[in-house]
């Protein structure tokens, strides 16, 4: 599991998105590394699953992640 810190600025899904994007850009998450499941990450961060799903959708929309049906993000 990766360590993510939310910055307290703005909406929770945006904080989660920024933390994940930062981990990707700093190569703490390497290319082709599977992101944690939305349920696991939500549990770890104390967030709702929908918050994590919105962050994952934003990462995918901006090209930082690829979603594969049934295989994860």
PDB file of N, CA and C in Angstrom:
ATOM      1  N   UNK A   1       0.842  -1.178   0.000  1.00  0.00           N
ATOM      2  CA  UNK A   1       0.000   0.000   0.000  1.00  0.00           C
ATOM      3  C   UNK A   1       0.889   1.243   0.000  1.00  0.00           C
ATOM      4  N   UNK A   2       0.439   2.275  -0.663  1.00  0.00           N
ATOM      5  CA  UNK A   2       1.181   3.527  -0.711  1.00  0.00           C
ATOM      6  C   UNK A   2       0.701   4.455   0.401  1.00  0.00           C
ATOM      7  N   UNK A   3       1.554   5.349   0.809  1.00  0.00           N
ATOM      8  CA  UNK A   3       1.181   6.334   1.819  1.00  0.00           C
ATOM      9  C   UNK A   3       0.704   7.589   1.108  1.00  0.00           C
ATOM     10  N   UNK A   4      -0.531   8.003   1.400  1.00  0.00           N
ATOM     11  CA  UNK A   4      -1.084   9.221   0.820  1.00  0.00           C
ATOM     12  C   UNK A   4      -1.471  10.172   1.940  1.00  0.00           C
ATOM     13  N   UNK A   5      -1.190  11.439   1.744  1.00  0.00           N
ATOM     14  CA  UNK A   5      -1.599  12.467   2.690  1.00  0.00           C
ATOM     15  C   UNK A   5      -2.511  13.445   1.964  1.00  0.00           C
ATOM     16  N   UNK A   6      -3.689  13.638   2.504  1.00  0.00           N
ATOM     17  CA  UNK A   6      -4.605  14.621   1.938  1.00  0.00           C
ATOM     18  C   UNK A   6      -4.205  15.986   2.471  1.00  0.00           C
ATOM     19  N   UNK A   7      -4.338  17.020   1.619  1.00  0.00           N
ATOM     20  CA  UNK A   7      -3.819  18.337   1.979  1.00  0.00           C
ATOM     21  C   UNK A   7      -4.819  19.254   2.681  1.00  0.00           C
ATOM     22  N   UNK A   8      -6.074  18.816   2.826  1.00  0.00           N
ATOM     23  CA  UNK A   8      -7.067  19.625   3.525  1.00  0.00           C
ATOM     24  C   UNK A   8      -7.618  20.783   2.712  1.00  0.00           C
ATOM     25  N   UNK A   9      -7.260  20.862   1.445  1.00  0.00           N
ATOM     26  CA  UNK A   9      -7.695  21.955   0.581  1.00  0.00           C
ATOM     27  C   UNK A   9      -8.788  21.491  -0.377  1.00  0.00           C
ATOM     28  N   UNK A  10     -10.014  21.938  -0.184  1.00  0.00           N
ATOM     29  CA  UNK A  10     -11.091  21.664  -1.120  1.00  0.00           C
ATOM     30  C   UNK A  10     -11.771  20.324  -0.905  1.00  0.00           C
ATOM     31  N   UNK A  11     -12.458  19.880  -1.943  1.00  0.00           N
ATOM     32  CA  UNK A  11     -13.247  18.658  -1.894  1.00  0.00           C
ATOM     33  C   UNK A  11     -12.364  17.431  -1.679  1.00  0.00           C
ATOM     34  N   UNK A  12     -12.897  16.449  -0.964  1.00  0.00           N
ATOM     35  CA  UNK A  12     -12.124  15.247  -0.643  1.00  0.00           C
ATOM     36  C   UNK A  12     -11.672  14.489  -1.884  1.00  0.00           C
ATOM     37  N   UNK A  13     -12.527  14.408  -2.901  1.00  0.00           N
ATOM     38  CA  UNK A  13     -12.108  13.664  -4.088  1.00  0.00           C
ATOM     39  C   UNK A  13     -10.964  14.373  -4.795  1.00  0.00           C
ATOM     40  N   UNK A  14     -10.942  15.721  -4.747  1.00  0.00           N
ATOM     41  CA  UNK A  14      -9.843  16.473  -5.359  1.00  0.00           C
ATOM     42  C   UNK A  14      -8.554  16.291  -4.553  1.00  0.00           C
ATOM     43  N   UNK A  15      -8.669  16.244  -3.225  1.00  0.00           N
ATOM     44  CA  UNK A  15      -7.504  15.999  -2.382  1.00  0.00           C
ATOM     45  C   UNK A  15      -6.926  14.615  -2.671  1.00  0.00           C
ATOM     46  N   UNK A  16      -7.825  13.635  -2.808  1.00  0.00           N
ATOM     47  CA  UNK A  16      -7.398  12.268  -3.099  1.00  0.00           C
ATOM     48  C   UNK A  16      -6.749  12.199  -4.476  1.00  0.00           C
ATOM     49  N   UNK A  17      -7.361  12.851  -5.441  1.00  0.00           N
ATOM     50  CA  UNK A  17      -6.807  12.919  -6.794  1.00  0.00           C
ATOM     51  C   UNK A  17      -5.402  13.532  -6.766  1.00  0.00           C
ATOM     52  N   UNK A  18      -5.247  14.673  -6.080  1.00  0.00           N
ATOM     53  CA  UNK A  18      -3.941  15.341  -6.030  1.00  0.00           C
ATOM     54  C   UNK A  18      -2.888  14.462  -5.354  1.00  0.00           C
ATOM     55  N   UNK A  19      -3.282  13.768  -4.298  1.00  0.00           N
ATOM     56  CA  UNK A  19      -2.336  12.895  -3.596  1.00  0.00           C
ATOM     57  C   UNK A  19      -1.901  11.740  -4.500  1.00  0.00           C
ATOM     58  N   UNK A  20      -2.841  11.152  -5.226  1.00  0.00           N
ATOM     59  CA  UNK A  20      -2.508  10.057  -6.143  1.00  0.00           C
ATOM     60  C   UNK A  20      -1.671  10.554  -7.319  1.00  0.00           C
ATOM     61  N   UNK A  21      -2.061  11.701  -7.881  1.00  0.00           N
ATOM     62  CA  UNK A  21      -1.301  12.263  -9.002  1.00  0.00           C
ATOM     63  C   UNK A  21       0.129  12.568  -8.565  1.00  0.00           C
ATOM     64  N   UNK A  22       0.280  13.119  -7.381  1.00  0.00           N
ATOM     65  CA  UNK A  22       1.607  13.407  -6.845  1.00  0.00           C
ATOM     66  C   UNK A  22       2.425  12.118  -6.705  1.00  0.00           C
ATOM     67  N   UNK A  23       1.807  11.060  -6.204  1.00  0.00           N
ATOM     68  CA  UNK A  23       2.500   9.766  -6.068  1.00  0.00           C
ATOM     69  C   UNK A  23       2.930   9.234  -7.429  1.00  0.00           C
ATOM     70  N   UNK A  24       2.110   9.451  -8.435  1.00  0.00           N
ATOM     71  CA  UNK A  24       2.443   9.006  -9.792  1.00  0.00           C
ATOM     72  C   UNK A  24       3.601   9.841 -10.341  1.00  0.00           C
ATOM     73  N   UNK A  25       3.508  11.163 -10.227  1.00  0.00           N
ATOM     74  CA  UNK A  25       4.534  12.047 -10.783  1.00  0.00           C
ATOM     75  C   UNK A  25       5.876  11.903 -10.057  1.00  0.00           C
ATOM     76  N   UNK A  26       5.822  11.595  -8.762  1.00  0.00           N
ATOM     77  CA  UNK A  26       7.054  11.397  -7.989  1.00  0.00           C
ATOM     78  C   UNK A  26       7.571   9.960  -8.095  1.00  0.00           C
ATOM     79  N   UNK A  27       6.890   9.151  -8.892  1.00  0.00           N
ATOM     80  CA  UNK A  27       7.233   7.750  -9.141  1.00  0.00           C
ATOM     81  C   UNK A  27       7.207   6.884  -7.886  1.00  0.00           C
ATOM     82  N   UNK A  28       6.406   7.286  -6.898  1.00  0.00           N
ATOM     83  CA  UNK A  28       6.139   6.384  -5.776  1.00  0.00           C
ATOM     84  C   UNK A  28       5.170   5.303  -6.252  1.00  0.00           C
ATOM     85  N   UNK A  29       4.405   5.621  -7.277  1.00  0.00           N
ATOM     86  CA  UNK A  29       3.592   4.643  -8.013  1.00  0.00           C
ATOM     87  C   UNK A  29       4.237   4.527  -9.384  1.00  0.00           C
ATOM     88  N   UNK A  30       4.806   3.402  -9.662  1.00  0.00           N
ATOM     89  CA  UNK A  30       5.526   3.178 -10.906  1.00  0.00           C
ATOM     90  C   UNK A  30       4.542   2.895 -12.048  1.00  0.00           C
ATOM     91  N   UNK A  31       4.974   3.138 -13.290  1.00  0.00           N
ATOM     92  CA  UNK A  31       4.118   2.785 -14.431  1.00  0.00           C
ATOM     93  C   UNK A  31       3.733   1.303 -14.365  1.00  0.00           C
ATOM     94  N   UNK A  32       2.542   1.005 -14.768  1.00  0.00           N
ATOM     95  CA  UNK A  32       1.976  -0.347 -14.781  1.00  0.00           C
ATOM     96  C   UNK A  32       1.724  -0.926 -13.390  1.00  0.00           C
ATOM     97  N   UNK A  33       1.810  -0.103 -12.351  1.00  0.00           N
ATOM     98  CA  UNK A  33       1.451  -0.547 -11.010  1.00  0.00           C
ATOM     99  C   UNK A  33      -0.052  -0.410 -10.844  1.00  0.00           C
ATOM    100  N   UNK A  34      -0.664  -1.451 -10.365  1.00  0.00           N
ATOM    101  CA  UNK A  34      -2.107  -1.422 -10.145  1.00  0.00           C
ATOM    102  C   UNK A  34      -2.416  -0.580  -8.913  1.00  0.00           C
ATOM    103  N   UNK A  35      -3.361   0.336  -9.043  1.00  0.00           N
ATOM    104  CA  UNK A  35      -3.790   1.134  -7.896  1.00  0.00           C
ATOM    105  C   UNK A  35      -4.563   0.245  -6.922  1.00  0.00           C
ATOM    106  N   UNK A  36      -4.593   0.617  -5.650  1.00  0.00           N
ATOM    107  CA  UNK A  36      -5.391  -0.157  -4.699  1.00  0.00           C
ATOM    108  C   UNK A  36      -6.859  -0.147  -5.121  1.00  0.00           C
ATOM    109  N   UNK A  37      -7.589  -1.168  -4.744  1.00  0.00           N
ATOM    110  CA  UNK A  37      -9.014  -1.160  -5.058  1.00  0.00           C
ATOM    111  C   UNK A  37      -9.659   0.053  -4.393  1.00  0.00           C
ATOM    112  N   UNK A  38     -10.720   0.535  -4.984  1.00  0.00           N
ATOM    113  CA  UNK A  38     -11.394   1.713  -4.424  1.00  0.00           C
ATOM    114  C   UNK A  38     -11.885   1.436  -3.006  1.00  0.00           C
ATOM    115  N   UNK A  39     -12.343   0.233  -2.760  1.00  0.00           N
ATOM    116  CA  UNK A  39     -12.805  -0.116  -1.406  1.00  0.00           C
ATOM    117  C   UNK A  39     -11.668  -0.083  -0.399  1.00  0.00           C
ATOM    118  N   UNK A  40     -10.525  -0.673  -0.750  1.00  0.00           N
ATOM    119  CA  UNK A  40      -9.382  -0.698   0.163  1.00  0.00           C
ATOM    120  C   UNK A  40      -8.832   0.700   0.427  1.00  0.00           C
ATOM    121  N   UNK A  41      -8.689   1.499  -0.635  1.00  0.00           N
ATOM    122  CA  UNK A  41      -8.161   2.846  -0.447  1.00  0.00           C
ATOM    123  C   UNK A  41      -9.124   3.698   0.372  1.00  0.00           C
ATOM    124  N   UNK A  42     -10.411   3.566   0.103  1.00  0.00           N
ATOM    125  CA  UNK A  42     -11.411   4.314   0.881  1.00  0.00           C
ATOM    126  C   UNK A  42     -11.334   3.951   2.355  1.00  0.00           C
ATOM    127  N   UNK A  43     -11.207   2.666   2.632  1.00  0.00           N
ATOM    128  CA  UNK A  43     -11.110   2.210   4.020  1.00  0.00           C
ATOM    129  C   UNK A  43      -9.852   2.760   4.679  1.00  0.00           C
ATOM    130  N   UNK A  44      -8.731   2.697   3.965  1.00  0.00           N
ATOM    131  CA  UNK A  44      -7.458   3.168   4.515  1.00  0.00           C
ATOM    132  C   UNK A  44      -7.478   4.671   4.814  1.00  0.00           C
ATOM    133  N   UNK A  45      -8.109   5.443   3.922  1.00  0.00           N
ATOM    134  CA  UNK A  45      -8.144   6.898   4.084  1.00  0.00           C
ATOM    135  C   UNK A  45      -9.332   7.386   4.907  1.00  0.00           C
ATOM    136  N   UNK A  46     -10.260   6.474   5.216  1.00  0.00           N
ATOM    137  CA  UNK A  46     -11.456   6.873   5.969  1.00  0.00           C
ATOM    138  C   UNK A  46     -12.418   7.694   5.135  1.00  0.00           C
ATOM    139  N   UNK A  47     -12.499   7.364   3.844  1.00  0.00           N
ATOM    140  CA  UNK A  47     -13.363   8.079   2.908  1.00  0.00           C
ATOM    141  C   UNK A  47     -14.446   7.150   2.385  1.00  0.00           C
ATOM    142  N   UNK A  48     -15.419   7.726   1.708  1.00  0.00           N
ATOM    143  CA  UNK A  48     -16.410   6.881   1.048  1.00  0.00           C
ATOM    144  C   UNK A  48     -15.809   6.336  -0.244  1.00  0.00           C
ATOM    145  N   UNK A  49     -16.325   5.222  -0.677  1.00  0.00           N
ATOM    146  CA  UNK A  49     -15.835   4.617  -1.918  1.00  0.00           C
ATOM    147  C   UNK A  49     -16.091   5.550  -3.103  1.00  0.00           C
ATOM    148  N   UNK A  50     -17.235   6.244  -3.099  1.00  0.00           N
ATOM    149  CA  UNK A  50     -17.551   7.155  -4.199  1.00  0.00           C
ATOM    150  C   UNK A  50     -16.514   8.272  -4.325  1.00  0.00           C
ATOM    151  N   UNK A  51     -15.981   8.731  -3.211  1.00  0.00           N
ATOM    152  CA  UNK A  51     -14.938   9.759  -3.237  1.00  0.00           C
ATOM    153  C   UNK A  51     -13.710   9.235  -3.975  1.00  0.00           C
ATOM    154  N   UNK A  52     -13.298   8.016  -3.657  1.00  0.00           N
ATOM    155  CA  UNK A  52     -12.136   7.416  -4.319  1.00  0.00           C
ATOM    156  C   UNK A  52     -12.443   7.153  -5.794  1.00  0.00           C
ATOM    157  N   UNK A  53     -13.638   6.695  -6.092  1.00  0.00           N
ATOM    158  CA  UNK A  53     -14.007   6.449  -7.489  1.00  0.00           C
ATOM    159  C   UNK A  53     -13.934   7.732  -8.311  1.00  0.00           C
ATOM    160  N   UNK A  54     -14.382   8.853  -7.745  1.00  0.00           N
ATOM    161  CA  UNK A  54     -14.291  10.135  -8.455  1.00  0.00           C
ATOM    162  C   UNK A  54     -12.838  10.514  -8.709  1.00  0.00           C
ATOM    163  N   UNK A  55     -11.973  10.291  -7.730  1.00  0.00           N
ATOM    164  CA  UNK A  55     -10.546  10.579  -7.902  1.00  0.00           C
ATOM    165  C   UNK A  55      -9.963   9.697  -9.006  1.00  0.00           C
ATOM    166  N   UNK A  56     -10.308   8.411  -8.996  1.00  0.00           N
ATOM    167  CA  UNK A  56      -9.820   7.492 -10.031  1.00  0.00           C
ATOM    168  C   UNK A  56     -10.328   7.907 -11.416  1.00  0.00           C
ATOM    169  N   UNK A  57     -11.582   8.335 -11.499  1.00  0.00           N
ATOM    170  CA  UNK A  57     -12.132   8.784 -12.779  1.00  0.00           C
ATOM    171  C   UNK A  57     -11.366   9.994 -13.301  1.00  0.00           C
ATOM    172  N   UNK A  58     -11.020  10.923 -12.408  1.00  0.00           N
ATOM    173  CA  UNK A  58     -10.268  12.110 -12.807  1.00  0.00           C
ATOM    174  C   UNK A  58      -8.868  11.729 -13.296  1.00  0.00           C
ATOM    175  N   UNK A  59      -8.219  10.821 -12.592  1.00  0.00           N
ATOM    176  CA  UNK A  59      -6.899  10.348 -13.021  1.00  0.00           C
ATOM    177  C   UNK A  59      -6.967   9.710 -14.403  1.00  0.00           C
ATOM    178  N   UNK A  60      -8.002   8.930 -14.632  1.00  0.00           N
ATOM    179  CA  UNK A  60      -8.184   8.266 -15.920  1.00  0.00           C
ATOM    180  C   UNK A  60      -8.469   9.292 -17.014  1.00  0.00           C
ATOM    181  N   UNK A  61      -9.336  10.256 -16.719  1.00  0.00           N
ATOM    182  CA  UNK A  61      -9.696  11.278 -17.705  1.00  0.00           C
ATOM    183  C   UNK A  61      -8.483  12.098 -18.132  1.00  0.00           C
ATOM    184  N   UNK A  62      -7.542  12.311 -17.213  1.00  0.00           N
ATOM    185  CA  UNK A  62      -6.370  13.121 -17.522  1.00  0.00           C
ATOM    186  C   UNK A  62      -5.175  12.294 -17.986  1.00  0.00           C
ATOM    187  N   UNK A  63      -5.360  10.989 -18.119  1.00  0.00           N
ATOM    188  CA  UNK A  63      -4.310  10.139 -18.668  1.00  0.00           C
ATOM    189  C   UNK A  63      -3.262   9.665 -17.671  1.00  0.00           C
ATOM    190  N   UNK A  64      -3.486   9.883 -16.376  1.00  0.00           N
ATOM    191  CA  UNK A  64      -2.538   9.405 -15.370  1.00  0.00           C
ATOM    192  C   UNK A  64      -2.748   7.934 -15.034  1.00  0.00           C
ATOM    193  N   UNK A  65      -3.920   7.402 -15.359  1.00  0.00           N
ATOM    194  CA  UNK A  65      -4.234   6.004 -15.067  1.00  0.00           C
ATOM    195  C   UNK A  65      -5.081   5.450 -16.221  1.00  0.00           C
ATOM    196  N   UNK A  66      -5.054   4.144 -16.329  1.00  0.00           N
ATOM    197  CA  UNK A  66      -5.885   3.430 -17.307  1.00  0.00           C
ATOM    198  C   UNK A  66      -6.782   2.466 -16.543  1.00  0.00           C
ATOM    199  N   UNK A  67      -8.054   2.481 -16.860  1.00  0.00           N
ATOM    200  CA  UNK A  67      -8.982   1.553 -16.217  1.00  0.00           C
ATOM    201  C   UNK A  67      -9.226   0.396 -17.176  1.00  0.00           C
ATOM    202  N   UNK A  68      -9.164  -0.809 -16.618  1.00  0.00           N
ATOM    203  CA  UNK A  68      -9.445  -2.022 -17.391  1.00  0.00           C
ATOM    204  C   UNK A  68     -10.564  -2.750 -16.687  1.00  0.00           C
ATOM    205  N   UNK A  69     -11.672  -2.919 -17.338  1.00  0.00           N
ATOM    206  CA  UNK A  69     -12.817  -3.591 -16.740  1.00  0.00           C
ATOM    207  C   UNK A  69     -12.457  -4.940 -16.153  1.00  0.00           C
ATOM    208  N   UNK A  70     -12.717  -5.111 -14.869  1.00  0.00           N
ATOM    209  CA  UNK A  70     -12.453  -6.374 -14.190  1.00  0.00           C
ATOM    210  C   UNK A  70     -10.999  -6.596 -13.811  1.00  0.00           C
ATOM    211  N   UNK A  71     -10.100  -5.675 -14.216  1.00  0.00           N
ATOM    212  CA  UNK A  71      -8.687  -5.845 -13.924  1.00  0.00           C
ATOM    213  C   UNK A  71      -8.130  -4.770 -13.023  1.00  0.00           C
ATOM    214  N   UNK A  72      -8.906  -3.763 -12.714  1.00  0.00           N
ATOM    215  CA  UNK A  72      -8.432  -2.698 -11.840  1.00  0.00           C
ATOM    216  C   UNK A  72      -8.016  -1.467 -12.606  1.00  0.00           C
ATOM    217  N   UNK A  73      -7.428  -0.523 -11.878  1.00  0.00           N
ATOM    218  CA  UNK A  73      -7.004   0.761 -12.455  1.00  0.00           C
ATOM    219  C   UNK A  73      -5.496   0.887 -12.317  1.00  0.00           C
TER     220      UNK A  73
END
